[in-house]
């Protein structure tokens, strides 16, 4: 079993995103470029279907980054 506080409140997602604005701006840019390429290529193109890869990958990486920042914030608050 893990040690530490159970049910500790995590900081709001908006606060975590503001800590690493550049990372999340790049994730958003990747998603926007993929969506634009999907719009201009159409569903009959390979580009349309390959554009799902960066969209999903950016979503997963953003989620993992939020979780990592949240854990770091909780660890910092426990040290106080």
N, C-alpha and C. Protein backbone atom coordinates (compact mmCIF):
# COMPACT_ATOMS: atom_id res chain seq x y z
N UNK A 1 0.84 -1.17 0.00
CA UNK A 1 0.00 0.00 0.00
C UNK A 1 0.89 1.24 0.00
N UNK A 2 0.42 2.29 -0.62
CA UNK A 2 1.20 3.52 -0.70
C UNK A 2 1.13 4.29 0.60
N UNK A 3 2.22 4.99 0.86
CA UNK A 3 2.20 5.85 2.04
C UNK A 3 1.76 7.24 1.63
N UNK A 4 1.40 8.06 2.57
CA UNK A 4 0.99 9.42 2.28
C UNK A 4 -0.46 9.64 2.60
N UNK A 5 -0.90 10.84 2.33
CA UNK A 5 -2.28 11.20 2.64
C UNK A 5 -3.22 10.59 1.62
N UNK A 6 -4.33 10.12 2.11
CA UNK A 6 -5.35 9.57 1.22
C UNK A 6 -6.42 10.62 1.02
N UNK A 7 -6.85 10.77 -0.19
CA UNK A 7 -7.90 11.74 -0.49
C UNK A 7 -7.39 13.17 -0.50
N UNK A 8 -6.11 13.35 -0.70
CA UNK A 8 -5.56 14.71 -0.74
C UNK A 8 -6.09 15.44 -1.96
N UNK A 9 -6.44 16.68 -1.77
CA UNK A 9 -6.99 17.48 -2.86
C UNK A 9 -5.88 17.85 -3.83
N UNK A 10 -6.15 17.63 -5.10
CA UNK A 10 -5.19 18.01 -6.14
C UNK A 10 -5.49 19.43 -6.59
N UNK A 11 -4.47 20.12 -7.07
CA UNK A 11 -4.71 21.48 -7.55
C UNK A 11 -5.56 21.46 -8.82
N UNK A 12 -6.26 22.55 -9.09
CA UNK A 12 -7.08 22.61 -10.31
C UNK A 12 -6.23 22.47 -11.57
N UNK A 13 -6.81 21.91 -12.59
CA UNK A 13 -6.10 21.66 -13.84
C UNK A 13 -5.62 22.97 -14.46
N UNK A 14 -6.42 24.02 -14.36
CA UNK A 14 -6.02 25.30 -14.92
C UNK A 14 -4.74 25.83 -14.31
N UNK A 15 -4.55 25.61 -13.03
CA UNK A 15 -3.32 26.04 -12.36
C UNK A 15 -2.14 25.25 -12.88
N UNK A 16 -2.33 23.97 -13.07
CA UNK A 16 -1.24 23.12 -13.57
C UNK A 16 -0.87 23.50 -15.00
N UNK A 17 -1.87 23.80 -15.82
CA UNK A 17 -1.61 24.17 -17.20
C UNK A 17 -0.86 25.49 -17.26
N UNK A 18 -1.18 26.43 -16.38
CA UNK A 18 -0.48 27.71 -16.39
C UNK A 18 0.98 27.58 -15.97
N UNK A 19 1.30 26.55 -15.21
CA UNK A 19 2.69 26.33 -14.81
C UNK A 19 3.55 25.95 -16.01
N UNK A 20 2.99 25.24 -16.95
CA UNK A 20 3.72 24.76 -18.13
C UNK A 20 2.98 25.18 -19.40
N UNK A 21 2.81 26.47 -19.58
CA UNK A 21 2.05 26.98 -20.72
C UNK A 21 2.62 26.54 -22.06
N UNK A 22 3.93 26.57 -22.18
CA UNK A 22 4.56 26.24 -23.46
C UNK A 22 4.28 24.79 -23.85
N UNK A 23 4.39 23.86 -22.91
CA UNK A 23 4.11 22.45 -23.21
C UNK A 23 2.69 22.27 -23.74
N UNK A 24 1.72 22.86 -23.05
CA UNK A 24 0.33 22.67 -23.44
C UNK A 24 -0.01 23.45 -24.71
N UNK A 25 0.69 24.56 -24.95
CA UNK A 25 0.50 25.28 -26.20
C UNK A 25 1.00 24.45 -27.38
N UNK A 26 2.12 23.75 -27.18
CA UNK A 26 2.62 22.88 -28.25
C UNK A 26 1.70 21.70 -28.49
N UNK A 27 1.14 21.12 -27.43
CA UNK A 27 0.17 20.03 -27.61
C UNK A 27 -1.03 20.53 -28.40
N UNK A 28 -1.52 21.73 -28.07
CA UNK A 28 -2.66 22.29 -28.78
C UNK A 28 -2.32 22.57 -30.24
N UNK A 29 -1.11 23.07 -30.50
CA UNK A 29 -0.69 23.34 -31.88
C UNK A 29 -0.63 22.05 -32.70
N UNK A 30 -0.12 20.99 -32.12
CA UNK A 30 -0.06 19.70 -32.82
C UNK A 30 -1.46 19.22 -33.17
N UNK A 31 -2.38 19.36 -32.24
CA UNK A 31 -3.76 18.92 -32.48
C UNK A 31 -4.40 19.78 -33.57
N UNK A 32 -4.18 21.09 -33.53
CA UNK A 32 -4.78 21.98 -34.54
C UNK A 32 -4.23 21.67 -35.93
N UNK A 33 -2.93 21.46 -36.04
CA UNK A 33 -2.34 21.13 -37.35
C UNK A 33 -2.90 19.81 -37.87
N UNK A 34 -3.05 18.85 -37.00
CA UNK A 34 -3.61 17.57 -37.42
C UNK A 34 -5.07 17.72 -37.88
N UNK A 35 -5.84 18.52 -37.15
CA UNK A 35 -7.24 18.73 -37.53
C UNK A 35 -7.35 19.48 -38.86
N UNK A 36 -6.48 20.47 -39.07
CA UNK A 36 -6.49 21.20 -40.34
C UNK A 36 -6.14 20.27 -41.50
N UNK A 37 -5.16 19.42 -41.29
CA UNK A 37 -4.80 18.48 -42.35
C UNK A 37 -5.94 17.49 -42.62
N UNK A 38 -6.69 17.14 -41.58
CA UNK A 38 -7.84 16.26 -41.77
C UNK A 38 -8.92 16.95 -42.59
N UNK A 39 -9.15 18.21 -42.30
CA UNK A 39 -10.20 18.96 -43.01
C UNK A 39 -9.85 19.10 -44.49
N UNK A 40 -8.60 19.43 -44.79
CA UNK A 40 -8.22 19.65 -46.18
C UNK A 40 -8.00 18.36 -46.97
N UNK A 41 -7.73 17.25 -46.31
CA UNK A 41 -7.46 16.02 -47.06
C UNK A 41 -8.72 15.20 -47.32
N UNK A 42 -9.66 15.21 -46.41
CA UNK A 42 -10.89 14.43 -46.58
C UNK A 42 -10.72 13.00 -46.15
N UNK A 43 -11.83 12.32 -45.85
CA UNK A 43 -11.77 10.97 -45.29
C UNK A 43 -11.27 9.90 -46.26
N UNK A 44 -11.13 10.20 -47.51
CA UNK A 44 -10.63 9.21 -48.47
C UNK A 44 -9.12 9.16 -48.54
N UNK A 45 -8.46 10.05 -47.83
CA UNK A 45 -7.01 10.15 -47.91
C UNK A 45 -6.35 9.45 -46.72
N UNK A 46 -5.13 8.98 -46.95
CA UNK A 46 -4.34 8.35 -45.89
C UNK A 46 -3.97 9.39 -44.83
N UNK A 47 -3.74 10.63 -45.27
CA UNK A 47 -3.37 11.70 -44.35
C UNK A 47 -4.46 11.90 -43.30
N UNK A 48 -5.71 11.80 -43.72
CA UNK A 48 -6.83 11.95 -42.79
C UNK A 48 -6.73 10.93 -41.67
N UNK A 49 -6.49 9.70 -42.00
CA UNK A 49 -6.46 8.64 -40.99
C UNK A 49 -5.18 8.66 -40.17
N UNK A 50 -4.07 9.08 -40.78
CA UNK A 50 -2.82 9.18 -40.02
C UNK A 50 -2.83 10.37 -39.06
N UNK A 51 -3.69 11.34 -39.30
CA UNK A 51 -3.77 12.51 -38.42
C UNK A 51 -4.33 12.14 -37.05
N UNK A 52 -4.98 11.00 -36.93
CA UNK A 52 -5.47 10.57 -35.63
C UNK A 52 -4.33 10.23 -34.68
N UNK A 53 -3.21 9.79 -35.23
CA UNK A 53 -2.06 9.40 -34.39
C UNK A 53 -1.55 10.57 -33.56
N UNK A 54 -1.22 11.73 -34.15
CA UNK A 54 -0.74 12.83 -33.31
C UNK A 54 -1.82 13.40 -32.39
N UNK A 55 -3.08 13.33 -32.80
CA UNK A 55 -4.15 13.82 -31.93
C UNK A 55 -4.23 12.97 -30.67
N UNK A 56 -4.24 11.66 -30.84
CA UNK A 56 -4.32 10.77 -29.69
C UNK A 56 -3.06 10.86 -28.85
N UNK A 57 -1.90 10.90 -29.51
CA UNK A 57 -0.64 10.98 -28.77
C UNK A 57 -0.55 12.28 -27.97
N UNK A 58 -0.97 13.39 -28.53
CA UNK A 58 -0.93 14.66 -27.81
C UNK A 58 -1.88 14.64 -26.63
N UNK A 59 -3.04 14.06 -26.81
CA UNK A 59 -3.99 13.94 -25.69
C UNK A 59 -3.42 13.11 -24.55
N UNK A 60 -2.80 12.00 -24.89
CA UNK A 60 -2.21 11.13 -23.87
C UNK A 60 -1.05 11.84 -23.17
N UNK A 61 -0.20 12.49 -23.94
CA UNK A 61 0.94 13.19 -23.35
C UNK A 61 0.50 14.35 -22.46
N UNK A 62 -0.55 15.07 -22.87
CA UNK A 62 -1.06 16.17 -22.04
C UNK A 62 -1.62 15.63 -20.73
N UNK A 63 -2.36 14.52 -20.81
CA UNK A 63 -2.91 13.91 -19.59
C UNK A 63 -1.79 13.45 -18.65
N UNK A 64 -0.77 12.82 -19.22
CA UNK A 64 0.36 12.37 -18.39
C UNK A 64 1.11 13.53 -17.78
N UNK A 65 1.23 14.65 -18.53
CA UNK A 65 1.91 15.83 -18.00
C UNK A 65 1.12 16.44 -16.85
N UNK A 66 -0.20 16.49 -16.98
CA UNK A 66 -1.04 17.00 -15.89
C UNK A 66 -0.90 16.13 -14.66
N UNK A 67 -0.90 14.82 -14.84
CA UNK A 67 -0.73 13.91 -13.70
C UNK A 67 0.62 14.10 -13.04
N UNK A 68 1.67 14.25 -13.84
CA UNK A 68 3.02 14.45 -13.29
C UNK A 68 3.10 15.76 -12.51
N UNK A 69 2.57 16.83 -13.08
CA UNK A 69 2.58 18.11 -12.39
C UNK A 69 1.77 18.06 -11.11
N UNK A 70 0.67 17.34 -11.14
CA UNK A 70 -0.17 17.19 -9.95
C UNK A 70 0.58 16.46 -8.84
N UNK A 71 1.26 15.37 -9.22
CA UNK A 71 2.04 14.63 -8.21
C UNK A 71 3.16 15.47 -7.63
N UNK A 72 3.82 16.26 -8.49
CA UNK A 72 4.88 17.14 -8.00
C UNK A 72 4.33 18.18 -7.03
N UNK A 73 3.17 18.72 -7.35
CA UNK A 73 2.54 19.73 -6.48
C UNK A 73 2.16 19.13 -5.14
N UNK A 74 1.62 17.92 -5.15
CA UNK A 74 1.27 17.25 -3.90
C UNK A 74 2.52 16.93 -3.07
N UNK A 75 3.58 16.50 -3.74
CA UNK A 75 4.82 16.18 -3.05
C UNK A 75 5.41 17.44 -2.40
N UNK A 76 5.34 18.56 -3.11
CA UNK A 76 5.84 19.82 -2.57
C UNK A 76 5.03 20.29 -1.37
N UNK A 77 3.71 20.09 -1.42
CA UNK A 77 2.87 20.52 -0.31
C UNK A 77 3.06 19.64 0.92
N UNK A 78 3.45 18.39 0.73
CA UNK A 78 3.70 17.50 1.87
C UNK A 78 4.98 17.85 2.58
N UNK A 79 5.91 18.47 1.88
CA UNK A 79 7.19 18.83 2.48
C UNK A 79 7.07 20.05 3.39
N UNK A 80 6.02 20.84 3.22
CA UNK A 80 5.86 22.05 4.03
C UNK A 80 5.51 21.74 5.43
